[in-house]
Amino acid sequence: MPKLPVNYLKNQYCTISIMPNTIIPVTLTKKAAEEVRKIMKTKSIPDEYCLRIGIRGSGCGGAAMMIGFDKKKDSDLSYKIEDIEIVVDKKHTMYVIGKEVDFHEGADARGFMFVDPPN
């Protein structure tokens, strides 16, 4: 997990605002951030809710990545990307580390997807 000693990190995808030494396990592309903002506005997501990224399930079927809106909990890592507060349960960090959330909109499918960005 990268530890970043700056207040703002800019890459080709987005701007991430962080506190010094904050762990950034998962990022968003600009397209994903735009879609999250659109959903928050059109679905009237309350201001106290954050974008939760993590896993669900385990066992024989394995763990599946999940994304949704939820209130922040004491066990969460919290940071902002493009003014969107993102929370990740500390127990899920090892499963989401290095992932990037993107949004795909095509003729055959539409939705969020988790990708491993190129180095």
PDB file of N, CA and C in Angstrom:
ATOM      1  N   MET A   1       0.831  -1.169   0.000  1.00  0.00           N
ATOM      2  CA  MET A   1       0.000   0.000   0.000  1.00  0.00           C
ATOM      3  C   MET A   1       0.881   1.239   0.000  1.00  0.00           C
ATOM      4  N   PRO A   2       0.673   2.133  -0.960  1.00  0.00           N
ATOM      5  CA  PRO A   2       1.504   3.329  -0.974  1.00  0.00           C
ATOM      6  C   PRO A   2       1.125   4.283   0.144  1.00  0.00           C
ATOM      7  N   LYS A   3       2.115   4.859   0.777  1.00  0.00           N
ATOM      8  CA  LYS A   3       1.893   5.925   1.750  1.00  0.00           C
ATOM      9  C   LYS A   3       2.364   7.205   1.082  1.00  0.00           C
ATOM     10  N   LEU A   4       1.504   8.190   1.010  1.00  0.00           N
ATOM     11  CA  LEU A   4       1.778   9.383   0.244  1.00  0.00           C
ATOM     12  C   LEU A   4       1.889  10.599   1.161  1.00  0.00           C
ATOM     13  N   PRO A   5       3.049  11.246   1.199  1.00  0.00           N
ATOM     14  CA  PRO A   5       3.235  12.372   2.115  1.00  0.00           C
ATOM     15  C   PRO A   5       2.827  13.716   1.514  1.00  0.00           C
ATOM     16  N   VAL A   6       1.738  13.766   0.768  1.00  0.00           N
ATOM     17  CA  VAL A   6       1.283  15.009   0.151  1.00  0.00           C
ATOM     18  C   VAL A   6      -0.195  15.193   0.415  1.00  0.00           C
ATOM     19  N   ASN A   7      -0.687  16.401   0.216  1.00  0.00           N
ATOM     20  CA  ASN A   7      -2.098  16.652   0.438  1.00  0.00           C
ATOM     21  C   ASN A   7      -2.945  16.363  -0.796  1.00  0.00           C
ATOM     22  N   TYR A   8      -2.382  16.548  -1.976  1.00  0.00           N
ATOM     23  CA  TYR A   8      -3.116  16.256  -3.207  1.00  0.00           C
ATOM     24  C   TYR A   8      -2.231  15.469  -4.144  1.00  0.00           C
ATOM     25  N   LEU A   9      -2.765  14.424  -4.701  1.00  0.00           N
ATOM     26  CA  LEU A   9      -2.064  13.610  -5.681  1.00  0.00           C
ATOM     27  C   LEU A   9      -2.861  13.681  -6.965  1.00  0.00           C
ATOM     28  N   LYS A  10      -2.223  14.041  -8.048  1.00  0.00           N
ATOM     29  CA  LYS A  10      -2.916  14.095  -9.337  1.00  0.00           C
ATOM     30  C   LYS A  10      -2.275  13.078 -10.266  1.00  0.00           C
ATOM     31  N   ASN A  11      -3.109  12.305 -10.935  1.00  0.00           N
ATOM     32  CA  ASN A  11      -2.627  11.427 -11.993  1.00  0.00           C
ATOM     33  C   ASN A  11      -3.500  11.664 -13.211  1.00  0.00           C
ATOM     34  N   GLN A  12      -3.356  10.839 -14.236  1.00  0.00           N
ATOM     35  CA  GLN A  12      -4.128  11.074 -15.453  1.00  0.00           C
ATOM     36  C   GLN A  12      -5.614  10.812 -15.251  1.00  0.00           C
ATOM     37  N   TYR A  13      -5.990  10.224 -14.135  1.00  0.00           N
ATOM     38  CA  TYR A  13      -7.382   9.863 -13.918  1.00  0.00           C
ATOM     39  C   TYR A  13      -8.132  10.840 -13.028  1.00  0.00           C
ATOM     40  N   CYS A  14      -7.515  11.264 -11.934  1.00  0.00           N
ATOM     41  CA  CYS A  14      -8.278  12.033 -10.964  1.00  0.00           C
ATOM     42  C   CYS A  14      -7.360  12.745  -9.980  1.00  0.00           C
ATOM     43  N   THR A  15      -7.963  13.519  -9.104  1.00  0.00           N
ATOM     44  CA  THR A  15      -7.256  14.179  -8.014  1.00  0.00           C
ATOM     45  C   THR A  15      -7.684  13.513  -6.718  1.00  0.00           C
ATOM     46  N   ILE A  16      -6.712  13.129  -5.917  1.00  0.00           N
ATOM     47  CA  ILE A  16      -6.977  12.460  -4.650  1.00  0.00           C
ATOM     48  C   ILE A  16      -6.525  13.385  -3.530  1.00  0.00           C
ATOM     49  N   SER A  17      -7.431  13.750  -2.642  1.00  0.00           N
ATOM     50  CA  SER A  17      -7.041  14.550  -1.488  1.00  0.00           C
ATOM     51  C   SER A  17      -6.869  13.624  -0.290  1.00  0.00           C
ATOM     52  N   ILE A  18      -5.741  13.761   0.360  1.00  0.00           N
ATOM     53  CA  ILE A  18      -5.400  12.835   1.436  1.00  0.00           C
ATOM     54  C   ILE A  18      -4.714  13.570   2.576  1.00  0.00           C
ATOM     55  N   MET A  19      -4.689  12.930   3.707  1.00  0.00           N
ATOM     56  CA  MET A  19      -3.897  13.388   4.837  1.00  0.00           C
ATOM     57  C   MET A  19      -2.530  12.728   4.701  1.00  0.00           C
ATOM     58  N   PRO A  20      -1.479  13.345   5.238  1.00  0.00           N
ATOM     59  CA  PRO A  20      -0.164  12.709   5.173  1.00  0.00           C
ATOM     60  C   PRO A  20      -0.197  11.286   5.739  1.00  0.00           C
ATOM     61  N   ASN A  21       0.513  10.382   5.097  1.00  0.00           N
ATOM     62  CA  ASN A  21       0.633   8.967   5.477  1.00  0.00           C
ATOM     63  C   ASN A  21      -0.675   8.184   5.389  1.00  0.00           C
ATOM     64  N   THR A  22      -1.633   8.663   4.609  1.00  0.00           N
ATOM     65  CA  THR A  22      -2.879   7.934   4.408  1.00  0.00           C
ATOM     66  C   THR A  22      -2.655   6.814   3.406  1.00  0.00           C
ATOM     67  N   ILE A  23      -3.223   5.664   3.682  1.00  0.00           N
ATOM     68  CA  ILE A  23      -3.127   4.527   2.781  1.00  0.00           C
ATOM     69  C   ILE A  23      -4.233   4.634   1.748  1.00  0.00           C
ATOM     70  N   ILE A  24      -3.872   4.538   0.467  1.00  0.00           N
ATOM     71  CA  ILE A  24      -4.843   4.594  -0.623  1.00  0.00           C
ATOM     72  C   ILE A  24      -4.914   3.203  -1.251  1.00  0.00           C
ATOM     73  N   PRO A  25      -5.831   2.351  -0.796  1.00  0.00           N
ATOM     74  CA  PRO A  25      -5.862   0.985  -1.323  1.00  0.00           C
ATOM     75  C   PRO A  25      -6.489   0.870  -2.713  1.00  0.00           C
ATOM     76  N   VAL A  26      -7.460   1.733  -3.037  1.00  0.00           N
ATOM     77  CA  VAL A  26      -8.181   1.611  -4.304  1.00  0.00           C
ATOM     78  C   VAL A  26      -8.454   3.016  -4.847  1.00  0.00           C
ATOM     79  N   THR A  27      -8.414   3.169  -6.171  1.00  0.00           N
ATOM     80  CA  THR A  27      -8.638   4.469  -6.794  1.00  0.00           C
ATOM     81  C   THR A  27      -9.849   4.412  -7.724  1.00  0.00           C
ATOM     82  N   LEU A  28     -10.260   5.585  -8.197  1.00  0.00           N
ATOM     83  CA  LEU A  28     -11.361   5.713  -9.148  1.00  0.00           C
ATOM     84  C   LEU A  28     -10.855   6.407 -10.407  1.00  0.00           C
ATOM     85  N   THR A  29     -11.374   6.017 -11.554  1.00  0.00           N
ATOM     86  CA  THR A  29     -11.111   6.784 -12.760  1.00  0.00           C
ATOM     87  C   THR A  29     -12.048   7.988 -12.770  1.00  0.00           C
ATOM     88  N   LYS A  30     -11.753   8.961 -13.626  1.00  0.00           N
ATOM     89  CA  LYS A  30     -12.640  10.132 -13.746  1.00  0.00           C
ATOM     90  C   LYS A  30     -14.047   9.706 -14.149  1.00  0.00           C
ATOM     91  N   LYS A  31     -14.148   8.747 -15.057  1.00  0.00           N
ATOM     92  CA  LYS A  31     -15.463   8.272 -15.521  1.00  0.00           C
ATOM     93  C   LYS A  31     -16.249   7.659 -14.360  1.00  0.00           C
ATOM     94  N   ALA A  32     -15.578   6.866 -13.530  1.00  0.00           N
ATOM     95  CA  ALA A  32     -16.243   6.264 -12.369  1.00  0.00           C
ATOM     96  C   ALA A  32     -16.675   7.341 -11.377  1.00  0.00           C
ATOM     97  N   ALA A  33     -15.813   8.332 -11.139  1.00  0.00           N
ATOM     98  CA  ALA A  33     -16.153   9.416 -10.211  1.00  0.00           C
ATOM     99  C   ALA A  33     -17.365  10.197 -10.720  1.00  0.00           C
ATOM    100  N   GLU A  34     -17.412  10.461 -12.010  1.00  0.00           N
ATOM    101  CA  GLU A  34     -18.563  11.165 -12.592  1.00  0.00           C
ATOM    102  C   GLU A  34     -19.852  10.373 -12.387  1.00  0.00           C
ATOM    103  N   GLU A  35     -19.789   9.072 -12.596  1.00  0.00           N
ATOM    104  CA  GLU A  35     -20.977   8.231 -12.444  1.00  0.00           C
ATOM    105  C   GLU A  35     -21.416   8.152 -10.981  1.00  0.00           C
ATOM    106  N   VAL A  36     -20.461   8.081 -10.053  1.00  0.00           N
ATOM    107  CA  VAL A  36     -20.803   8.066  -8.623  1.00  0.00           C
ATOM    108  C   VAL A  36     -21.519   9.360  -8.256  1.00  0.00           C
ATOM    109  N   ARG A  37     -20.988  10.507  -8.700  1.00  0.00           N
ATOM    110  CA  ARG A  37     -21.639  11.791  -8.411  1.00  0.00           C
ATOM    111  C   ARG A  37     -23.053  11.829  -8.988  1.00  0.00           C
ATOM    112  N   LYS A  38     -23.212  11.321 -10.199  1.00  0.00           N
ATOM    113  CA  LYS A  38     -24.523  11.289 -10.853  1.00  0.00           C
ATOM    114  C   LYS A  38     -25.505  10.437 -10.044  1.00  0.00           C
ATOM    115  N   ILE A  39     -25.070   9.276  -9.587  1.00  0.00           N
ATOM    116  CA  ILE A  39     -25.928   8.389  -8.791  1.00  0.00           C
ATOM    117  C   ILE A  39     -26.294   9.062  -7.468  1.00  0.00           C
ATOM    118  N   MET A  40     -25.303   9.674  -6.819  1.00  0.00           N
ATOM    119  CA  MET A  40     -25.563  10.328  -5.531  1.00  0.00           C
ATOM    120  C   MET A  40     -26.618  11.429  -5.692  1.00  0.00           C
ATOM    121  N   LYS A  41     -26.560  12.141  -6.798  1.00  0.00           N
ATOM    122  CA  LYS A  41     -27.513  13.227  -7.033  1.00  0.00           C
ATOM    123  C   LYS A  41     -28.898  12.701  -7.418  1.00  0.00           C
ATOM    124  N   THR A  42     -28.953  11.797  -8.392  1.00  0.00           N
ATOM    125  CA  THR A  42     -30.247  11.323  -8.896  1.00  0.00           C
ATOM    126  C   THR A  42     -30.958  10.406  -7.916  1.00  0.00           C
ATOM    127  N   LYS A  43     -30.227   9.693  -7.084  1.00  0.00           N
ATOM    128  CA  LYS A  43     -30.839   8.779  -6.108  1.00  0.00           C
ATOM    129  C   LYS A  43     -30.951   9.398  -4.726  1.00  0.00           C
ATOM    130  N   SER A  44     -30.604  10.670  -4.612  1.00  0.00           N
ATOM    131  CA  SER A  44     -30.699  11.406  -3.345  1.00  0.00           C
ATOM    132  C   SER A  44     -29.996  10.686  -2.193  1.00  0.00           C
ATOM    133  N   ILE A  45     -28.760  10.280  -2.424  1.00  0.00           N
ATOM    134  CA  ILE A  45     -27.962   9.634  -1.381  1.00  0.00           C
ATOM    135  C   ILE A  45     -27.659  10.694  -0.307  1.00  0.00           C
ATOM    136  N   PRO A  46     -27.951  10.415   0.971  1.00  0.00           N
ATOM    137  CA  PRO A  46     -27.713  11.398   2.032  1.00  0.00           C
ATOM    138  C   PRO A  46     -26.231  11.801   2.127  1.00  0.00           C
ATOM    139  N   ASP A  47     -25.985  13.036   2.538  1.00  0.00           N
ATOM    140  CA  ASP A  47     -24.623  13.573   2.630  1.00  0.00           C
ATOM    141  C   ASP A  47     -23.726  12.778   3.571  1.00  0.00           C
ATOM    142  N   GLU A  48     -24.296  12.160   4.597  1.00  0.00           N
ATOM    143  CA  GLU A  48     -23.468  11.415   5.554  1.00  0.00           C
ATOM    144  C   GLU A  48     -23.029  10.040   5.031  1.00  0.00           C
ATOM    145  N   TYR A  49     -23.493   9.662   3.855  1.00  0.00           N
ATOM    146  CA  TYR A  49     -23.092   8.387   3.259  1.00  0.00           C
ATOM    147  C   TYR A  49     -21.837   8.568   2.413  1.00  0.00           C
ATOM    148  N   CYS A  50     -21.007   7.542   2.394  1.00  0.00           N
ATOM    149  CA  CYS A  50     -19.758   7.523   1.636  1.00  0.00           C
ATOM    150  C   CYS A  50     -19.843   6.401   0.596  1.00  0.00           C
ATOM    151  N   LEU A  51     -18.912   6.406  -0.316  1.00  0.00           N
ATOM    152  CA  LEU A  51     -18.805   5.304  -1.269  1.00  0.00           C
ATOM    153  C   LEU A  51     -18.015   4.195  -0.594  1.00  0.00           C
ATOM    154  N   ARG A  52     -18.645   3.055  -0.381  1.00  0.00           N
ATOM    155  CA  ARG A  52     -17.972   1.923   0.260  1.00  0.00           C
ATOM    156  C   ARG A  52     -17.482   0.958  -0.813  1.00  0.00           C
ATOM    157  N   ILE A  53     -16.198   0.618  -0.728  1.00  0.00           N
ATOM    158  CA  ILE A  53     -15.590  -0.347  -1.637  1.00  0.00           C
ATOM    159  C   ILE A  53     -15.034  -1.474  -0.782  1.00  0.00           C
ATOM    160  N   GLY A  54     -15.297  -2.704  -1.166  1.00  0.00           N
ATOM    161  CA  GLY A  54     -14.818  -3.830  -0.373  1.00  0.00           C
ATOM    162  C   GLY A  54     -15.118  -5.151  -1.026  1.00  0.00           C
ATOM    163  N   ILE A  55     -15.268  -6.158  -0.191  1.00  0.00           N
ATOM    164  CA  ILE A  55     -15.569  -7.509  -0.665  1.00  0.00           C
ATOM    165  C   ILE A  55     -16.788  -8.035   0.067  1.00  0.00           C
ATOM    166  N   ARG A  56     -17.410  -9.032  -0.523  1.00  0.00           N
ATOM    167  CA  ARG A  56     -18.487  -9.736   0.160  1.00  0.00           C
ATOM    168  C   ARG A  56     -18.345 -11.214  -0.176  1.00  0.00           C
ATOM    169  N   GLY A  57     -18.754 -12.022   0.768  1.00  0.00           N
ATOM    170  CA  GLY A  57     -18.664 -13.462   0.579  1.00  0.00           C
ATOM    171  C   GLY A  57     -17.252 -13.968   0.775  1.00  0.00           C
ATOM    172  N   SER A  58     -17.160 -15.258   0.876  1.00  0.00           N
ATOM    173  CA  SER A  58     -15.869 -15.951   0.976  1.00  0.00           C
ATOM    174  C   SER A  58     -16.160 -17.437   0.942  1.00  0.00           C
ATOM    175  N   GLY A  59     -15.243 -18.215   1.356  1.00  0.00           N
ATOM    176  CA  GLY A  59     -15.452 -19.658   1.348  1.00  0.00           C
ATOM    177  C   GLY A  59     -15.184 -20.250  -0.019  1.00  0.00           C
ATOM    178  N   CYS A  60     -15.908 -21.305  -0.369  1.00  0.00           N
ATOM    179  CA  CYS A  60     -15.665 -22.028  -1.624  1.00  0.00           C
ATOM    180  C   CYS A  60     -15.862 -21.157  -2.862  1.00  0.00           C
ATOM    181  N   GLY A  61     -16.828 -20.258  -2.810  1.00  0.00           N
ATOM    182  CA  GLY A  61     -17.105 -19.399  -3.959  1.00  0.00           C
ATOM    183  C   GLY A  61     -16.144 -18.236  -4.090  1.00  0.00           C
ATOM    184  N   GLY A  62     -15.324 -18.005  -3.077  1.00  0.00           N
ATOM    185  CA  GLY A  62     -14.388 -16.895  -3.106  1.00  0.00           C
ATOM    186  C   GLY A  62     -15.059 -15.583  -2.752  1.00  0.00           C
ATOM    187  N   ALA A  63     -14.280 -14.553  -2.748  1.00  0.00           N
ATOM    188  CA  ALA A  63     -14.777 -13.220  -2.408  1.00  0.00           C
ATOM    189  C   ALA A  63     -15.085 -12.453  -3.688  1.00  0.00           C
ATOM    190  N   ALA A  64     -16.133 -11.666  -3.649  1.00  0.00           N
ATOM    191  CA  ALA A  64     -16.512 -10.827  -4.784  1.00  0.00           C
ATOM    192  C   ALA A  64     -16.337  -9.367  -4.382  1.00  0.00           C
ATOM    193  N   MET A  65     -15.846  -8.561  -5.307  1.00  0.00           N
ATOM    194  CA  MET A  65     -15.691  -7.134  -5.065  1.00  0.00           C
ATOM    195  C   MET A  65     -17.079  -6.498  -5.009  1.00  0.00           C
ATOM    196  N   MET A  66     -17.232  -5.471  -4.187  1.00  0.00           N
ATOM    197  CA  MET A  66     -18.519  -4.782  -4.096  1.00  0.00           C
ATOM    198  C   MET A  66     -18.298  -3.284  -3.964  1.00  0.00           C
ATOM    199  N   ILE A  67     -19.312  -2.545  -4.406  1.00  0.00           N
ATOM    200  CA  ILE A  67     -19.291  -1.091  -4.323  1.00  0.00           C
ATOM    201  C   ILE A  67     -20.710  -0.652  -3.976  1.00  0.00           C
ATOM    202  N   GLY A  68     -20.831   0.331  -3.103  1.00  0.00           N
ATOM    203  CA  GLY A  68     -22.153   0.807  -2.701  1.00  0.00           C
ATOM    204  C   GLY A  68     -22.018   2.026  -1.814  1.00  0.00           C
ATOM    205  N   PHE A  69     -23.107   2.471  -1.235  1.00  0.00           N
ATOM    206  CA  PHE A  69     -23.111   3.642  -0.364  1.00  0.00           C
ATOM    207  C   PHE A  69     -23.449   3.205   1.052  1.00  0.00           C
ATOM    208  N   ASP A  70     -22.731   3.778   2.023  1.00  0.00           N
ATOM    209  CA  ASP A  70     -22.884   3.363   3.408  1.00  0.00           C
ATOM    210  C   ASP A  70     -22.351   4.473   4.313  1.00  0.00           C
ATOM    211  N   LYS A  71     -22.707   4.404   5.580  1.00  0.00           N
ATOM    212  CA  LYS A  71     -22.153   5.338   6.560  1.00  0.00           C
ATOM    213  C   LYS A  71     -20.769   4.859   6.973  1.00  0.00           C
ATOM    214  N   LYS A  72     -19.923   5.818   7.318  1.00  0.00           N
ATOM    215  CA  LYS A  72     -18.574   5.508   7.767  1.00  0.00           C
ATOM    216  C   LYS A  72     -18.628   4.812   9.121  1.00  0.00           C
ATOM    217  N   LYS A  73     -17.752   3.805   9.304  1.00  0.00           N
ATOM    218  CA  LYS A  73     -17.667   3.057  10.559  1.00  0.00           C
ATOM    219  C   LYS A  73     -16.288   3.250  11.177  1.00  0.00           C
ATOM    220  N   ASP A  74     -16.167   2.926  12.447  1.00  0.00           N
ATOM    221  CA  ASP A  74     -14.892   3.089  13.151  1.00  0.00           C
ATOM    222  C   ASP A  74     -13.773   2.249  12.552  1.00  0.00           C
ATOM    223  N   SER A  75     -14.111   1.118  11.936  1.00  0.00           N
ATOM    224  CA  SER A  75     -13.095   0.210  11.401  1.00  0.00           C
ATOM    225  C   SER A  75     -12.697   0.541   9.960  1.00  0.00           C
ATOM    226  N   ASP A  76     -13.103   1.695   9.456  1.00  0.00           N
ATOM    227  CA  ASP A  76     -12.852   2.055   8.059  1.00  0.00           C
ATOM    228  C   ASP A  76     -11.608   2.921   7.866  1.00  0.00           C
ATOM    229  N   LEU A  77     -10.948   2.699   6.729  1.00  0.00           N
ATOM    230  CA  LEU A  77     -10.001   3.677   6.194  1.00  0.00           C
ATOM    231  C   LEU A  77     -10.847   4.655   5.405  1.00  0.00           C
ATOM    232  N   SER A  78     -10.512   5.918   5.417  1.00  0.00           N
ATOM    233  CA  SER A  78     -11.314   6.924   4.730  1.00  0.00           C
ATOM    234  C   SER A  78     -10.402   7.883   3.979  1.00  0.00           C
ATOM    235  N   TYR A  79     -10.769   8.240   2.755  1.00  0.00           N
ATOM    236  CA  TYR A  79     -10.036   9.216   1.961  1.00  0.00           C
ATOM    237  C   TYR A  79     -10.974   9.762   0.891  1.00  0.00           C
ATOM    238  N   LYS A  80     -10.554  10.818   0.212  1.00  0.00           N
ATOM    239  CA  LYS A  80     -11.391  11.426  -0.821  1.00  0.00           C
ATOM    240  C   LYS A  80     -10.700  11.367  -2.171  1.00  0.00           C
ATOM    241  N   ILE A  81     -11.489  11.064  -3.185  1.00  0.00           N
ATOM    242  CA  ILE A  81     -11.054  11.126  -4.576  1.00  0.00           C
ATOM    243  C   ILE A  81     -12.095  11.954  -5.302  1.00  0.00           C
ATOM    244  N   GLU A  82     -11.661  13.017  -5.968  1.00  0.00           N
ATOM    245  CA  GLU A  82     -12.571  13.910  -6.701  1.00  0.00           C
ATOM    246  C   GLU A  82     -13.735  14.361  -5.811  1.00  0.00           C
ATOM    247  N   ASP A  83     -13.434  14.698  -4.555  1.00  0.00           N
ATOM    248  CA  ASP A  83     -14.430  15.152  -3.574  1.00  0.00           C
ATOM    249  C   ASP A  83     -15.462  14.092  -3.202  1.00  0.00           C
ATOM    250  N   ILE A  84     -15.191  12.837  -3.486  1.00  0.00           N
ATOM    251  CA  ILE A  84     -16.060  11.726  -3.091  1.00  0.00           C
ATOM    252  C   ILE A  84     -15.366  11.015  -1.935  1.00  0.00           C
ATOM    253  N   GLU A  85     -16.035  10.955  -0.781  1.00  0.00           N
ATOM    254  CA  GLU A  85     -15.431  10.241   0.341  1.00  0.00           C
ATOM    255  C   GLU A  85     -15.584   8.745   0.120  1.00  0.00           C
ATOM    256  N   ILE A  86     -14.457   8.060   0.206  1.00  0.00           N
ATOM    257  CA  ILE A  86     -14.425   6.607  -0.001  1.00  0.00           C
ATOM    258  C   ILE A  86     -14.033   5.959   1.312  1.00  0.00           C
ATOM    259  N   VAL A  87     -14.733   4.885   1.657  1.00  0.00           N
ATOM    260  CA  VAL A  87     -14.395   4.118   2.855  1.00  0.00           C
ATOM    261  C   VAL A  87     -14.151   2.665   2.464  1.00  0.00           C
ATOM    262  N   VAL A  88     -13.162   2.086   3.141  1.00  0.00           N
ATOM    263  CA  VAL A  88     -12.822   0.674   2.956  1.00  0.00           C
ATOM    264  C   VAL A  88     -12.616   0.090   4.343  1.00  0.00           C
ATOM    265  N   ASP A  89     -13.309  -0.981   4.657  1.00  0.00           N
ATOM    266  CA  ASP A  89     -13.099  -1.655   5.935  1.00  0.00           C
ATOM    267  C   ASP A  89     -11.646  -2.131   5.973  1.00  0.00           C
ATOM    268  N   LYS A  90     -10.962  -1.874   7.083  1.00  0.00           N
ATOM    269  CA  LYS A  90      -9.542  -2.253   7.192  1.00  0.00           C
ATOM    270  C   LYS A  90      -9.317  -3.737   6.915  1.00  0.00           C
ATOM    271  N   LYS A  91     -10.301  -4.580   7.261  1.00  0.00           N
ATOM    272  CA  LYS A  91     -10.167  -6.027   7.021  1.00  0.00           C
ATOM    273  C   LYS A  91     -10.212  -6.368   5.533  1.00  0.00           C
ATOM    274  N   HIS A  92     -10.762  -5.479   4.710  1.00  0.00           N
ATOM    275  CA  HIS A  92     -10.885  -5.725   3.275  1.00  0.00           C
ATOM    276  C   HIS A  92      -9.713  -5.166   2.474  1.00  0.00           C
ATOM    277  N   THR A  93      -8.859  -4.398   3.132  1.00  0.00           N
ATOM    278  CA  THR A  93      -7.783  -3.703   2.433  1.00  0.00           C
ATOM    279  C   THR A  93      -6.924  -4.643   1.603  1.00  0.00           C
ATOM    280  N   MET A  94      -6.545  -5.778   2.152  1.00  0.00           N
ATOM    281  CA  MET A  94      -5.655  -6.688   1.416  1.00  0.00           C
ATOM    282  C   MET A  94      -6.291  -7.239   0.140  1.00  0.00           C
ATOM    283  N   TYR A  95      -7.617  -7.217   0.047  1.00  0.00           N
ATOM    284  CA  TYR A  95      -8.297  -7.732  -1.140  1.00  0.00           C
ATOM    285  C   TYR A  95      -8.471  -6.677  -2.226  1.00  0.00           C
ATOM    286  N   VAL A  96      -8.502  -5.408  -1.838  1.00  0.00           N
ATOM    287  CA  VAL A  96      -8.760  -4.343  -2.812  1.00  0.00           C
ATOM    288  C   VAL A  96      -7.506  -3.547  -3.172  1.00  0.00           C
ATOM    289  N   ILE A  97      -6.412  -3.794  -2.477  1.00  0.00           N
ATOM    290  CA  ILE A  97      -5.211  -3.000  -2.687  1.00  0.00           C
ATOM    291  C   ILE A  97      -4.756  -3.043  -4.150  1.00  0.00           C
ATOM    292  N   GLY A  98      -4.483  -1.879  -4.685  1.00  0.00           N
ATOM    293  CA  GLY A  98      -4.009  -1.775  -6.056  1.00  0.00           C
ATOM    294  C   GLY A  98      -5.100  -1.788  -7.112  1.00  0.00           C
ATOM    295  N   LYS A  99      -6.335  -1.991  -6.712  1.00  0.00           N
ATOM    296  CA  LYS A  99      -7.446  -2.023  -7.680  1.00  0.00           C
ATOM    297  C   LYS A  99      -7.849  -0.601  -8.062  1.00  0.00           C
ATOM    298  N   GLU A 100      -8.475  -0.503  -9.202  1.00  0.00           N
ATOM    299  CA  GLU A 100      -9.018   0.759  -9.666  1.00  0.00           C
ATOM    300  C   GLU A 100     -10.453   0.507 -10.094  1.00  0.00           C
ATOM    301  N   VAL A 101     -11.344   1.392  -9.687  1.00  0.00           N
ATOM    302  CA  VAL A 101     -12.747   1.282 -10.092  1.00  0.00           C
ATOM    303  C   VAL A 101     -12.933   2.137 -11.338  1.00  0.00           C
ATOM    304  N   ASP A 102     -13.461   1.517 -12.380  1.00  0.00           N
ATOM    305  CA  ASP A 102     -13.751   2.207 -13.629  1.00  0.00           C
ATOM    306  C   ASP A 102     -15.236   2.035 -13.928  1.00  0.00           C
ATOM    307  N   PHE A 103     -15.744   2.812 -14.857  1.00  0.00           N
ATOM    308  CA  PHE A 103     -17.131   2.685 -15.269  1.00  0.00           C
ATOM    309  C   PHE A 103     -17.157   2.463 -16.767  1.00  0.00           C
ATOM    310  N   HIS A 104     -17.836   1.408 -17.173  1.00  0.00           N
ATOM    311  CA  HIS A 104     -17.933   1.047 -18.589  1.00  0.00           C
ATOM    312  C   HIS A 104     -19.369   1.239 -19.045  1.00  0.00           C
ATOM    313  N   GLU A 105     -19.513   1.865 -20.202  1.00  0.00           N
ATOM    314  CA  GLU A 105     -20.831   2.045 -20.783  1.00  0.00           C
ATOM    315  C   GLU A 105     -20.732   1.691 -22.260  1.00  0.00           C
ATOM    316  N   GLY A 106     -21.300   0.556 -22.616  1.00  0.00           N
ATOM    317  CA  GLY A 106     -21.257   0.103 -23.996  1.00  0.00           C
ATOM    318  C   GLY A 106     -22.605  -0.421 -24.442  1.00  0.00           C
ATOM    319  N   ALA A 107     -22.660  -0.875 -25.672  1.00  0.00           N
ATOM    320  CA  ALA A 107     -23.908  -1.403 -26.228  1.00  0.00           C
ATOM    321  C   ALA A 107     -24.334  -2.689 -25.530  1.00  0.00           C
ATOM    322  N   ASP A 108     -23.349  -3.452 -25.049  1.00  0.00           N
ATOM    323  CA  ASP A 108     -23.645  -4.756 -24.449  1.00  0.00           C
ATOM    324  C   ASP A 108     -23.725  -4.743 -22.928  1.00  0.00           C
ATOM    325  N   ALA A 109     -23.123  -3.740 -22.286  1.00  0.00           N
ATOM    326  CA  ALA A 109     -23.102  -3.724 -20.819  1.00  0.00           C
ATOM    327  C   ALA A 109     -22.834  -2.320 -20.313  1.00  0.00           C
ATOM    328  N   ARG A 110     -23.215  -2.093 -19.066  1.00  0.00           N
ATOM    329  CA  ARG A 110     -23.012  -0.806 -18.413  1.00  0.00           C
ATOM    330  C   ARG A 110     -22.815  -1.064 -16.933  1.00  0.00           C
ATOM    331  N   GLY A 111     -21.752  -0.530 -16.349  1.00  0.00           N
ATOM    332  CA  GLY A 111     -21.576  -0.692 -14.917  1.00  0.00           C
ATOM    333  C   GLY A 111     -20.155  -0.454 -14.453  1.00  0.00           C
ATOM    334  N   PHE A 112     -19.987  -0.545 -13.142  1.00  0.00           N
ATOM    335  CA  PHE A 112     -18.676  -0.386 -12.532  1.00  0.00           C
ATOM    336  C   PHE A 112     -17.901  -1.689 -12.668  1.00  0.00           C
ATOM    337  N   MET A 113     -16.598  -1.547 -12.795  1.00  0.00           N
ATOM    338  CA  MET A 113     -15.745  -2.741 -12.833  1.00  0.00           C
ATOM    339  C   MET A 113     -14.440  -2.446 -12.109  1.00  0.00           C
ATOM    340  N   PHE A 114     -13.894  -3.482 -11.524  1.00  0.00           N
ATOM    341  CA  PHE A 114     -12.633  -3.390 -10.822  1.00  0.00           C
ATOM    342  C   PHE A 114     -11.536  -3.870 -11.757  1.00  0.00           C
ATOM    343  N   VAL A 115     -10.497  -3.065 -11.915  1.00  0.00           N
ATOM    344  CA  VAL A 115      -9.406  -3.432 -12.821  1.00  0.00           C
ATOM    345  C   VAL A 115      -8.075  -3.287 -12.090  1.00  0.00           C
ATOM    346  N   ASP A 116      -7.097  -3.983 -12.601  1.00  0.00           N
ATOM    347  CA  ASP A 116      -5.723  -3.835 -12.143  1.00  0.00           C
ATOM    348  C   ASP A 116      -5.057  -2.899 -13.133  1.00  0.00           C
ATOM    349  N   PRO A 117      -4.806  -1.626 -12.734  1.00  0.00           N
ATOM    350  CA  PRO A 117      -4.224  -0.672 -13.675  1.00  0.00           C
ATOM    351  C   PRO A 117      -2.801  -1.073 -14.064  1.00  0.00           C
ATOM    352  N   PRO A 118      -2.396  -0.714 -15.274  1.00  0.00           N
ATOM    353  CA  PRO A 118      -1.017  -1.022 -15.679  1.00  0.00           C
ATOM    354  C   PRO A 118      -0.023  -0.216 -14.850  1.00  0.00           C
ATOM    355  N   ASN A 119       1.129  -0.783 -14.619  1.00  0.00           N
ATOM    356  CA  ASN A 119       2.151  -0.083 -13.825  1.00  0.00           C
ATOM    357  C   ASN A 119       2.816   0.981 -14.605  1.00  0.00           C
TER     358      ASN A 119
END
